[in-house]
């Protein structure tokens, strides 16, 4: 059993705050979208909660982008184009077929790369693609009175609202997939435990050159 310290305190703190804010946005967003249902928040309350969570999410996302770019965590987001296609095929096959046949995982976590190819591409798409669109559309919706009357020949508020809703659904889908993927580690809870303690544990992981404080062998 090999342990790697892959999740520094700032990343774990941001992760759990971001998760809480996102769940809050889902609950308040649904409450506004389906206003009037007894089991949902009152519209006025949901609006305040949604706007507050959105502002905090914006601050958190900007903080993540800045700190991630200036820390060693950024290396995990660098795409390996030389092996991209082969890695993508192997990882896709594993999730679709191999995992159900108890085949060995084609990717092993190292200090140089903690994401497999599918994870890396999905995180890049979410954090640097969908999240900026969600945030910008949210702010545009918040200050819709300053929007032009039309965008692309359509009502600007409608365009912004539909963009915000579609992206939010895509991110909710990502959240569901993410919750499933975290159960595919060495044990059902090993990946979840890693995001709590900072230490990723993996059986028979390949050895890599690393400094002593960053890796430790466990019996």
Protein backbone atom coordinates (compact mmCIF):
# COMPACT_ATOMS: atom_id res chain seq x y z
CA UNK A 1 0.00 0.00 0.00
CA UNK A 2 1.45 3.35 -1.08
CA UNK A 3 0.30 6.75 0.16
CA UNK A 4 0.75 10.02 -1.70
CA UNK A 5 -0.05 13.44 -0.30
CA UNK A 6 -1.96 14.90 -3.26
CA UNK A 7 -4.60 17.17 -1.74
CA UNK A 8 -3.17 20.14 0.21
CA UNK A 9 -5.31 21.84 2.84
CA UNK A 10 -6.28 24.79 0.62
CA UNK A 11 -7.57 22.44 -2.08
CA UNK A 12 -9.59 20.33 0.34
CA UNK A 13 -11.08 23.41 1.99
CA UNK A 14 -12.03 24.89 -1.40
CA UNK A 15 -13.46 21.54 -2.57
CA UNK A 16 -15.85 21.11 0.34
CA UNK A 17 -16.93 24.77 0.41
CA UNK A 18 -17.50 24.64 -3.34
CA UNK A 19 -19.55 21.45 -2.97
CA UNK A 20 -21.70 23.04 -0.25
CA UNK A 21 -22.26 26.17 -2.32
CA UNK A 22 -23.14 24.15 -5.40
CA UNK A 23 -25.71 22.07 -3.50
CA UNK A 24 -27.12 25.31 -2.09
CA UNK A 25 -27.39 26.73 -5.60
CA UNK A 26 -29.20 23.62 -6.80
CA UNK A 27 -31.69 23.72 -3.93
CA UNK A 28 -32.37 27.45 -4.24
CA UNK A 29 -32.41 27.34 -8.04
CA UNK A 30 -34.98 24.55 -8.09
CA UNK A 31 -37.01 26.45 -5.50
CA UNK A 32 -37.15 29.51 -7.76
CA UNK A 33 -37.78 27.50 -10.94
CA UNK A 34 -40.68 25.60 -9.38
CA UNK A 35 -41.86 28.32 -7.02
CA UNK A 36 -45.01 27.58 -5.07
CA UNK A 37 -44.38 23.94 -4.10
CA UNK A 38 -44.78 23.42 -0.35
CA UNK A 39 -41.55 21.40 0.00
CA UNK A 40 -39.37 24.10 -1.57
CA UNK A 41 -37.99 27.38 -0.21
CA UNK A 42 -40.22 30.43 -0.53
CA UNK A 43 -39.26 32.34 -3.68
CA UNK A 44 -38.04 35.44 -1.82
CA UNK A 45 -35.83 33.35 0.45
CA UNK A 46 -34.53 31.24 -2.44
CA UNK A 47 -33.58 34.35 -4.41
CA UNK A 48 -31.47 35.76 -1.57
CA UNK A 49 -29.86 32.38 -0.87
CA UNK A 50 -29.15 31.79 -4.57
CA UNK A 51 -27.61 35.21 -5.13
CA UNK A 52 -25.48 34.97 -1.99
CA UNK A 53 -24.24 31.47 -2.85
CA UNK A 54 -23.54 32.61 -6.41
CA UNK A 55 -21.40 35.51 -5.23
CA UNK A 56 -19.45 33.23 -2.88
CA UNK A 57 -19.04 30.66 -5.67
CA UNK A 58 -17.62 33.36 -7.91
CA UNK A 59 -15.08 34.36 -5.26
CA UNK A 60 -14.18 30.72 -4.68
CA UNK A 61 -13.73 30.02 -8.40
CA UNK A 62 -11.47 33.04 -8.88
CA UNK A 63 -9.48 31.94 -5.83
CA UNK A 64 -9.12 28.42 -7.22
CA UNK A 65 -7.93 29.63 -10.63
CA UNK A 66 -5.34 31.98 -9.10
CA UNK A 67 -4.00 29.59 -6.44
CA UNK A 68 -4.07 26.58 -8.78
CA UNK A 69 -2.05 28.47 -11.40
CA UNK A 70 0.58 29.42 -8.82
CA UNK A 71 0.83 26.03 -7.11
CA UNK A 72 2.14 22.62 -8.06
CA UNK A 73 -1.45 21.41 -8.37
CA UNK A 74 -1.50 22.99 -11.85
CA UNK A 75 0.63 20.13 -13.22
CA UNK A 76 -2.32 17.78 -12.91
CA UNK A 77 -4.23 19.85 -15.47
CA UNK A 78 -1.55 19.66 -18.18
CA UNK A 79 -2.86 17.41 -20.95
CA UNK A 80 -0.44 14.78 -22.25
CA UNK A 81 -1.23 15.10 -25.95
CA UNK A 82 1.23 12.41 -27.09
CA UNK A 83 -0.69 9.64 -25.36
CA UNK A 84 -4.09 11.36 -25.20
CA UNK A 85 -6.01 9.20 -27.69
CA UNK A 86 -4.65 5.88 -26.41
CA UNK A 87 -5.21 6.84 -22.78
CA UNK A 88 -8.72 8.07 -23.57
CA UNK A 89 -9.67 4.82 -25.29
CA UNK A 90 -8.19 2.68 -22.50
CA UNK A 91 -9.90 4.67 -19.74
CA UNK A 92 -13.26 4.73 -21.53
CA UNK A 93 -13.10 0.98 -22.10
CA UNK A 94 -12.28 0.43 -18.44
CA UNK A 95 -15.26 2.42 -17.19
CA UNK A 96 -17.61 0.78 -19.72
CA UNK A 97 -16.35 -2.82 -19.58
CA UNK A 98 -13.21 -3.49 -17.55
CA UNK A 99 -14.49 -2.24 -14.19
CA UNK A 100 -17.35 -4.76 -14.32
CA UNK A 101 -14.92 -7.59 -15.12
CA UNK A 102 -12.67 -6.62 -12.20
CA UNK A 103 -9.82 -5.85 -14.61
CA UNK A 104 -6.85 -3.84 -13.28
CA UNK A 105 -7.17 -0.09 -13.61
CA UNK A 106 -5.22 1.20 -16.67
CA UNK A 107 -4.14 4.30 -14.73
CA UNK A 108 -2.23 4.55 -11.46
CA UNK A 109 -2.08 7.76 -9.48
CA UNK A 110 1.37 9.33 -9.10
CA UNK A 111 2.67 12.60 -7.71
CA UNK A 112 3.13 13.82 -11.28
CA UNK A 113 -0.45 13.02 -12.32
CA UNK A 114 -3.40 12.27 -10.05
CA UNK A 115 -6.07 12.39 -12.78
CA UNK A 116 -6.69 9.79 -15.43
CA UNK A 117 -7.37 11.19 -18.91
CA UNK A 118 -11.16 11.26 -18.60
CA UNK A 119 -10.97 12.93 -15.21
CA UNK A 120 -8.49 15.49 -16.47
CA UNK A 121 -10.55 16.44 -19.52
CA UNK A 122 -13.78 16.60 -17.51
CA UNK A 123 -12.22 18.77 -14.78
CA UNK A 124 -10.71 21.08 -17.37
CA UNK A 125 -14.08 21.36 -19.11
CA UNK A 126 -15.91 22.01 -15.86
CA UNK A 127 -13.50 24.40 -14.13
CA UNK A 128 -12.33 26.37 -17.17
CA UNK A 129 -15.36 25.98 -19.44
CA UNK A 130 -18.72 25.45 -17.78
CA UNK A 131 -17.99 27.28 -14.52
CA UNK A 132 -17.06 30.60 -16.20
CA UNK A 133 -20.22 30.38 -18.35
CA UNK A 134 -22.35 29.63 -15.28
CA UNK A 135 -20.86 32.53 -13.34
CA UNK A 136 -21.04 35.04 -16.20
CA UNK A 137 -24.62 34.11 -17.06
CA UNK A 138 -25.54 34.31 -13.37
CA UNK A 139 -24.13 37.81 -13.04
CA UNK A 140 -25.78 38.83 -16.31
CA UNK A 141 -29.08 37.52 -14.97
CA UNK A 142 -28.55 39.40 -11.70
CA UNK A 143 -27.98 42.68 -13.58
CA UNK A 144 -30.28 41.95 -16.51
CA UNK A 145 -31.51 45.55 -16.60
CA UNK A 146 -28.17 46.49 -18.15
CA UNK A 147 -28.41 43.92 -20.95
CA UNK A 148 -29.31 44.93 -24.50
CA UNK A 149 -32.85 44.09 -25.56
CA UNK A 150 -31.74 41.31 -27.91
CA UNK A 151 -28.83 38.90 -28.32
CA UNK A 152 -28.43 36.93 -31.55
CA UNK A 153 -31.87 38.13 -32.58
CA UNK A 154 -33.51 36.79 -29.40
CA UNK A 155 -34.54 38.40 -26.14
CA UNK A 156 -31.35 38.87 -24.13
CA UNK A 157 -32.88 37.82 -20.81
CA UNK A 158 -34.19 34.61 -22.40
CA UNK A 159 -30.76 33.81 -23.90
CA UNK A 160 -29.03 34.40 -20.57
CA UNK A 161 -31.65 32.42 -18.62
CA UNK A 162 -31.51 29.42 -20.97
CA UNK A 163 -27.70 29.46 -20.95
CA UNK A 164 -27.68 29.53 -17.16
CA UNK A 165 -30.22 26.70 -16.87
CA UNK A 166 -28.57 24.43 -19.46
CA UNK A 167 -25.10 24.86 -17.92
CA UNK A 168 -26.49 24.27 -14.43
CA UNK A 169 -28.05 20.99 -15.60
CA UNK A 170 -24.74 19.93 -17.16
CA UNK A 171 -22.91 20.69 -13.92
CA UNK A 172 -25.53 18.80 -11.91
CA UNK A 173 -24.96 15.83 -14.23
CA UNK A 174 -21.21 16.16 -13.68
CA UNK A 175 -21.83 16.12 -9.93
CA UNK A 176 -23.75 12.83 -10.19
CA UNK A 177 -21.01 11.24 -12.32
CA UNK A 178 -18.36 12.61 -9.96
CA UNK A 179 -20.13 11.03 -6.97
CA UNK A 180 -20.10 7.68 -8.77
CA UNK A 181 -16.47 7.91 -9.88
CA UNK A 182 -15.22 8.55 -6.34
CA UNK A 183 -16.52 5.07 -5.42
CA UNK A 184 -14.24 3.39 -7.99
CA UNK A 185 -11.01 3.61 -5.99
CA UNK A 186 -9.32 0.80 -4.08
CA UNK A 187 -12.39 0.79 -1.83
CA UNK A 188 -15.74 2.56 -2.07
CA UNK A 189 -14.62 5.27 0.38
CA UNK A 190 -10.86 5.51 -0.35
CA UNK A 191 -11.17 8.50 -2.73
CA UNK A 192 -13.56 10.27 -0.38
CA UNK A 193 -11.16 9.69 2.50
CA UNK A 194 -8.33 11.16 0.40
CA UNK A 195 -10.23 14.42 -0.03
CA UNK A 196 -10.67 14.58 3.75
CA UNK A 197 -7.15 13.66 4.86
CA UNK A 198 -5.14 14.76 1.82
CA UNK A 199 -3.54 11.30 1.45
CA UNK A 200 -4.33 9.10 -1.53
CA UNK A 201 -3.80 5.40 -0.88
CA UNK A 202 -3.45 2.90 -3.68
CA UNK A 203 -2.47 -0.76 -3.82
CA UNK A 204 0.46 -1.67 -6.05
CA UNK A 205 0.93 1.85 -7.37
CA UNK A 206 4.11 2.27 -9.45
CA UNK A 207 7.05 3.89 -7.70
CA UNK A 208 8.10 7.39 -8.72
CA UNK A 209 10.93 9.62 -7.63
CA UNK A 210 9.67 11.88 -4.88
CA UNK A 211 10.73 13.61 -1.76
CA UNK A 212 10.46 11.80 1.53
CA UNK A 213 7.81 14.00 3.19
CA UNK A 214 5.45 13.66 0.24
CA UNK A 215 5.24 9.85 0.18
CA UNK A 216 5.10 7.21 2.84
CA UNK A 217 4.83 3.44 2.77
CA UNK A 218 2.10 1.88 4.86
CA UNK A 219 1.82 -1.76 5.76
